[in-house]
Amino acid sequence: MPSPARSTVATVIPSLRYRNAPAMIDWLCKAFGFEKHAVYADGNTVHHAQLTFGHGMIMLGSVERGSAWSQRMAQPDEIGGRETQACYVVVADCAAHHAHAKTVGAEIVDELEAKDYGGSGYSCRDPEGHLWAFGDYDPWAEHTA
């Protein structure tokens, strides 16, 4: 069977919802290094935004309860600060990324440390409580056991 994936830059794109999506777009760019690729908004309501990081991308929009899709989603503060998924982002210099994220107010939940499987990483929460993991471990690179 041929691969079901389409030949494109990234085939898996996490999607998040934020109560103050315009402010979070700016924060994600400032704190984590994302870049605005597209933002479709009407005032303070972001209908759809695409932020890139290298060859990766996230999509996000404003929290709203009118659609069936949004009714299936919960914000971290609605479920005790927990998440059912988190984004892992490969960074070139994890120590520098960690230091910068701390200076702009990311809540560090797992300090920077060496990982058993290689590389180093840390995890944090953004101002609306979403969990993020950053590391210099590249799962696409060849690794020796």
C-alpha atoms as a PDB file:
ATOM      1  CA  MET A   1       0.000   0.000   0.000  1.00  0.00           C
ATOM      2  CA  PRO A   2       1.402   3.426  -0.866  1.00  0.00           C
ATOM      3  CA  SER A   3       1.940   5.926   1.933  1.00  0.00           C
ATOM      4  CA  PRO A   4      -1.238   7.820   2.824  1.00  0.00           C
ATOM      5  CA  ALA A   5       0.838  10.940   3.577  1.00  0.00           C
ATOM      6  CA  ARG A   6       0.830  13.753   1.092  1.00  0.00           C
ATOM      7  CA  SER A   7       4.237  14.982  -0.046  1.00  0.00           C
ATOM      8  CA  THR A   8       4.476  18.324   1.764  1.00  0.00           C
ATOM      9  CA  VAL A   9       6.738  20.175   4.204  1.00  0.00           C
ATOM     10  CA  ALA A  10       4.972  18.862   7.328  1.00  0.00           C
ATOM     11  CA  THR A  11       2.278  16.213   7.441  1.00  0.00           C
ATOM     12  CA  VAL A  12       1.341  16.480  11.128  1.00  0.00           C
ATOM     13  CA  ILE A  13       0.269  19.914  12.362  1.00  0.00           C
ATOM     14  CA  PRO A  14      -0.884  20.324  15.981  1.00  0.00           C
ATOM     15  CA  SER A  15      -3.895  22.566  16.520  1.00  0.00           C
ATOM     16  CA  LEU A  16      -4.610  24.555  19.673  1.00  0.00           C
ATOM     17  CA  ARG A  17      -7.287  26.921  20.962  1.00  0.00           C
ATOM     18  CA  TYR A  18      -6.674  30.040  23.056  1.00  0.00           C
ATOM     19  CA  ARG A  19      -8.998  32.406  24.886  1.00  0.00           C
ATOM     20  CA  ASN A  20      -6.853  35.400  23.905  1.00  0.00           C
ATOM     21  CA  ALA A  21      -5.513  34.113  20.611  1.00  0.00           C
ATOM     22  CA  PRO A  22      -4.120  37.453  19.336  1.00  0.00           C
ATOM     23  CA  ALA A  23      -2.021  37.904  22.494  1.00  0.00           C
ATOM     24  CA  MET A  24      -0.924  34.256  22.432  1.00  0.00           C
ATOM     25  CA  ILE A  25       0.207  34.506  18.804  1.00  0.00           C
ATOM     26  CA  ASP A  26       2.485  37.384  19.785  1.00  0.00           C
ATOM     27  CA  TRP A  27       3.675  35.534  22.899  1.00  0.00           C
ATOM     28  CA  LEU A  28       4.429  32.282  21.056  1.00  0.00           C
ATOM     29  CA  CYS A  29       6.484  34.227  18.516  1.00  0.00           C
ATOM     30  CA  LYS A  30       8.367  36.190  21.179  1.00  0.00           C
ATOM     31  CA  ALA A  31       8.887  33.360  23.691  1.00  0.00           C
ATOM     32  CA  PHE A  32       9.401  30.316  21.504  1.00  0.00           C
ATOM     33  CA  GLY A  33      10.502  31.707  18.142  1.00  0.00           C
ATOM     34  CA  PHE A  34       7.444  30.909  16.033  1.00  0.00           C
ATOM     35  CA  GLU A  35       6.753  33.080  12.983  1.00  0.00           C
ATOM     36  CA  LYS A  36       3.370  34.189  11.673  1.00  0.00           C
ATOM     37  CA  HIS A  37       2.573  32.414   8.416  1.00  0.00           C
ATOM     38  CA  ALA A  38      -1.112  33.390   8.215  1.00  0.00           C
ATOM     39  CA  VAL A  39      -3.636  34.921  10.597  1.00  0.00           C
ATOM     40  CA  TYR A  40      -7.321  35.170   9.708  1.00  0.00           C
ATOM     41  CA  ALA A  41      -9.021  37.299  12.338  1.00  0.00           C
ATOM     42  CA  ASP A  42     -12.023  39.509  12.908  1.00  0.00           C
ATOM     43  CA  GLY A  43     -11.180  41.886  15.727  1.00  0.00           C
ATOM     44  CA  ASN A  44     -10.055  39.832  18.738  1.00  0.00           C
ATOM     45  CA  THR A  45     -11.401  36.580  17.277  1.00  0.00           C
ATOM     46  CA  VAL A  46      -8.839  34.475  15.441  1.00  0.00           C
ATOM     47  CA  HIS A  47     -10.683  32.129  13.094  1.00  0.00           C
ATOM     48  CA  HIS A  48      -7.492  30.409  11.929  1.00  0.00           C
ATOM     49  CA  ALA A  49      -3.784  31.099  12.346  1.00  0.00           C
ATOM     50  CA  GLN A  50      -0.706  29.285  11.138  1.00  0.00           C
ATOM     51  CA  LEU A  51       2.612  29.740  12.935  1.00  0.00           C
ATOM     52  CA  THR A  52       5.784  28.177  11.595  1.00  0.00           C
ATOM     53  CA  PHE A  53       8.960  26.979  13.282  1.00  0.00           C
ATOM     54  CA  GLY A  54      11.522  25.762  10.766  1.00  0.00           C
ATOM     55  CA  HIS A  55       9.706  23.146   8.676  1.00  0.00           C
ATOM     56  CA  GLY A  56       7.059  22.659  11.363  1.00  0.00           C
ATOM     57  CA  MET A  57       3.791  24.429  11.923  1.00  0.00           C
ATOM     58  CA  ILE A  58       1.024  24.788  14.468  1.00  0.00           C
ATOM     59  CA  MET A  59      -2.463  26.033  13.775  1.00  0.00           C
ATOM     60  CA  LEU A  60      -4.526  27.857  16.356  1.00  0.00           C
ATOM     61  CA  GLY A  61      -7.697  29.808  16.838  1.00  0.00           C
ATOM     62  CA  SER A  62      -9.848  31.456  19.438  1.00  0.00           C
ATOM     63  CA  VAL A  63     -11.858  29.419  21.903  1.00  0.00           C
ATOM     64  CA  GLU A  64     -15.488  29.428  20.857  1.00  0.00           C
ATOM     65  CA  ARG A  65     -18.277  27.035  21.691  1.00  0.00           C
ATOM     66  CA  GLY A  66     -20.428  27.297  18.586  1.00  0.00           C
ATOM     67  CA  SER A  67     -18.989  24.490  16.486  1.00  0.00           C
ATOM     68  CA  ALA A  68     -19.021  20.742  17.021  1.00  0.00           C
ATOM     69  CA  TRP A  69     -15.204  20.714  16.854  1.00  0.00           C
ATOM     70  CA  SER A  70     -14.806  23.295  19.616  1.00  0.00           C
ATOM     71  CA  GLN A  71     -17.236  21.424  21.855  1.00  0.00           C
ATOM     72  CA  ARG A  72     -14.864  18.433  21.766  1.00  0.00           C
ATOM     73  CA  MET A  73     -11.956  20.529  23.049  1.00  0.00           C
ATOM     74  CA  ALA A  74     -11.182  21.608  26.615  1.00  0.00           C
ATOM     75  CA  GLN A  75      -8.734  24.203  27.841  1.00  0.00           C
ATOM     76  CA  PRO A  76      -6.145  23.130  30.442  1.00  0.00           C
ATOM     77  CA  ASP A  77      -7.722  25.273  33.179  1.00  0.00           C
ATOM     78  CA  GLU A  78     -11.042  23.482  32.623  1.00  0.00           C
ATOM     79  CA  ILE A  79      -9.511  20.063  33.371  1.00  0.00           C
ATOM     80  CA  GLY A  80      -7.209  20.747  36.287  1.00  0.00           C
ATOM     81  CA  GLY A  81      -4.261  21.990  34.234  1.00  0.00           C
ATOM     82  CA  ARG A  82      -3.907  18.652  32.462  1.00  0.00           C
ATOM     83  CA  GLU A  83      -3.401  18.028  28.757  1.00  0.00           C
ATOM     84  CA  THR A  84      -4.165  15.070  26.560  1.00  0.00           C
ATOM     85  CA  GLN A  85      -1.393  15.987  24.127  1.00  0.00           C
ATOM     86  CA  ALA A  86       1.644  18.237  23.947  1.00  0.00           C
ATOM     87  CA  CYS A  87       3.786  19.611  21.148  1.00  0.00           C
ATOM     88  CA  TYR A  88       7.466  18.614  20.931  1.00  0.00           C
ATOM     89  CA  VAL A  89       9.617  21.141  19.082  1.00  0.00           C
ATOM     90  CA  VAL A  90      13.162  20.395  17.920  1.00  0.00           C
ATOM     91  CA  VAL A  91      15.444  23.374  18.609  1.00  0.00           C
ATOM     92  CA  ALA A  92      19.054  24.006  17.612  1.00  0.00           C
ATOM     93  CA  ASP A  93      20.268  25.206  21.037  1.00  0.00           C
ATOM     94  CA  CYS A  94      18.092  23.858  23.822  1.00  0.00           C
ATOM     95  CA  ALA A  95      19.954  25.629  26.643  1.00  0.00           C
ATOM     96  CA  ALA A  96      19.563  29.028  24.961  1.00  0.00           C
ATOM     97  CA  HIS A  97      15.898  28.331  24.138  1.00  0.00           C
ATOM     98  CA  HIS A  98      15.243  27.311  27.763  1.00  0.00           C
ATOM     99  CA  ALA A  99      16.933  30.447  29.123  1.00  0.00           C
ATOM    100  CA  HIS A 100      14.941  32.700  26.778  1.00  0.00           C
ATOM    101  CA  ALA A 101      11.611  31.011  27.552  1.00  0.00           C
ATOM    102  CA  LYS A 102      12.245  31.540  31.277  1.00  0.00           C
ATOM    103  CA  THR A 103      13.021  35.240  30.798  1.00  0.00           C
ATOM    104  CA  VAL A 104       9.738  35.873  28.968  1.00  0.00           C
ATOM    105  CA  GLY A 105       7.630  34.104  31.583  1.00  0.00           C
ATOM    106  CA  ALA A 106       7.109  30.534  30.418  1.00  0.00           C
ATOM    107  CA  GLU A 107       6.255  28.342  33.416  1.00  0.00           C
ATOM    108  CA  ILE A 108       8.995  25.729  33.418  1.00  0.00           C
ATOM    109  CA  VAL A 109       7.542  22.388  34.559  1.00  0.00           C
ATOM    110  CA  ASP A 110      10.543  20.153  33.761  1.00  0.00           C
ATOM    111  CA  GLU A 111      13.948  21.797  33.924  1.00  0.00           C
ATOM    112  CA  LEU A 112      16.506  21.372  31.167  1.00  0.00           C
ATOM    113  CA  GLU A 113      18.170  17.968  31.431  1.00  0.00           C
ATOM    114  CA  ALA A 114      20.013  15.362  29.398  1.00  0.00           C
ATOM    115  CA  LYS A 115      17.701  12.645  28.093  1.00  0.00           C
ATOM    116  CA  ASP A 116      18.409   8.889  28.184  1.00  0.00           C
ATOM    117  CA  TYR A 117      17.567   8.586  24.479  1.00  0.00           C
ATOM    118  CA  GLY A 118      19.916  11.431  23.506  1.00  0.00           C
ATOM    119  CA  GLY A 119      20.012  15.184  23.515  1.00  0.00           C
ATOM    120  CA  SER A 120      18.558  17.468  26.130  1.00  0.00           C
ATOM    121  CA  GLY A 121      15.153  18.979  26.699  1.00  0.00           C
ATOM    122  CA  TYR A 122      12.744  20.784  28.960  1.00  0.00           C
ATOM    123  CA  SER A 123       9.009  21.349  29.184  1.00  0.00           C
ATOM    124  CA  CYS A 124       6.924  24.369  30.064  1.00  0.00           C
ATOM    125  CA  ARG A 125       3.463  25.873  29.980  1.00  0.00           C
ATOM    126  CA  ASP A 126       2.422  28.911  28.005  1.00  0.00           C
ATOM    127  CA  PRO A 127       0.337  31.640  29.723  1.00  0.00           C
ATOM    128  CA  GLU A 128      -2.942  29.796  28.992  1.00  0.00           C
ATOM    129  CA  GLY A 129      -1.627  26.513  30.399  1.00  0.00           C
ATOM    130  CA  HIS A 130      -0.829  24.503  27.263  1.00  0.00           C
ATOM    131  CA  LEU A 131       2.096  22.116  27.723  1.00  0.00           C
ATOM    132  CA  TRP A 132       5.131  22.350  25.414  1.00  0.00           C
ATOM    133  CA  ALA A 133       8.295  20.234  25.173  1.00  0.00           C
ATOM    134  CA  PHE A 134      11.489  21.530  23.556  1.00  0.00           C
ATOM    135  CA  GLY A 135      14.639  19.595  22.884  1.00  0.00           C
ATOM    136  CA  ASP A 136      17.666  19.242  20.676  1.00  0.00           C
ATOM    137  CA  TYR A 137      17.007  15.519  20.147  1.00  0.00           C
ATOM    138  CA  ASP A 138      16.134  15.082  16.470  1.00  0.00           C
ATOM    139  CA  PRO A 139      14.206  11.851  15.897  1.00  0.00           C
ATOM    140  CA  TRP A 140      14.867  12.133  12.134  1.00  0.00           C
ATOM    141  CA  ALA A 141      18.647  12.089  12.550  1.00  0.00           C
ATOM    142  CA  GLU A 142      20.557   8.823  12.442  1.00  0.00           C
ATOM    143  CA  HIS A 143      21.361   7.597  15.933  1.00  0.00           C
ATOM    144  CA  THR A 144      23.749   4.926  17.067  1.00  0.00           C
ATOM    145  CA  ALA A 145      22.760   2.618  19.906  1.00  0.00           C
END
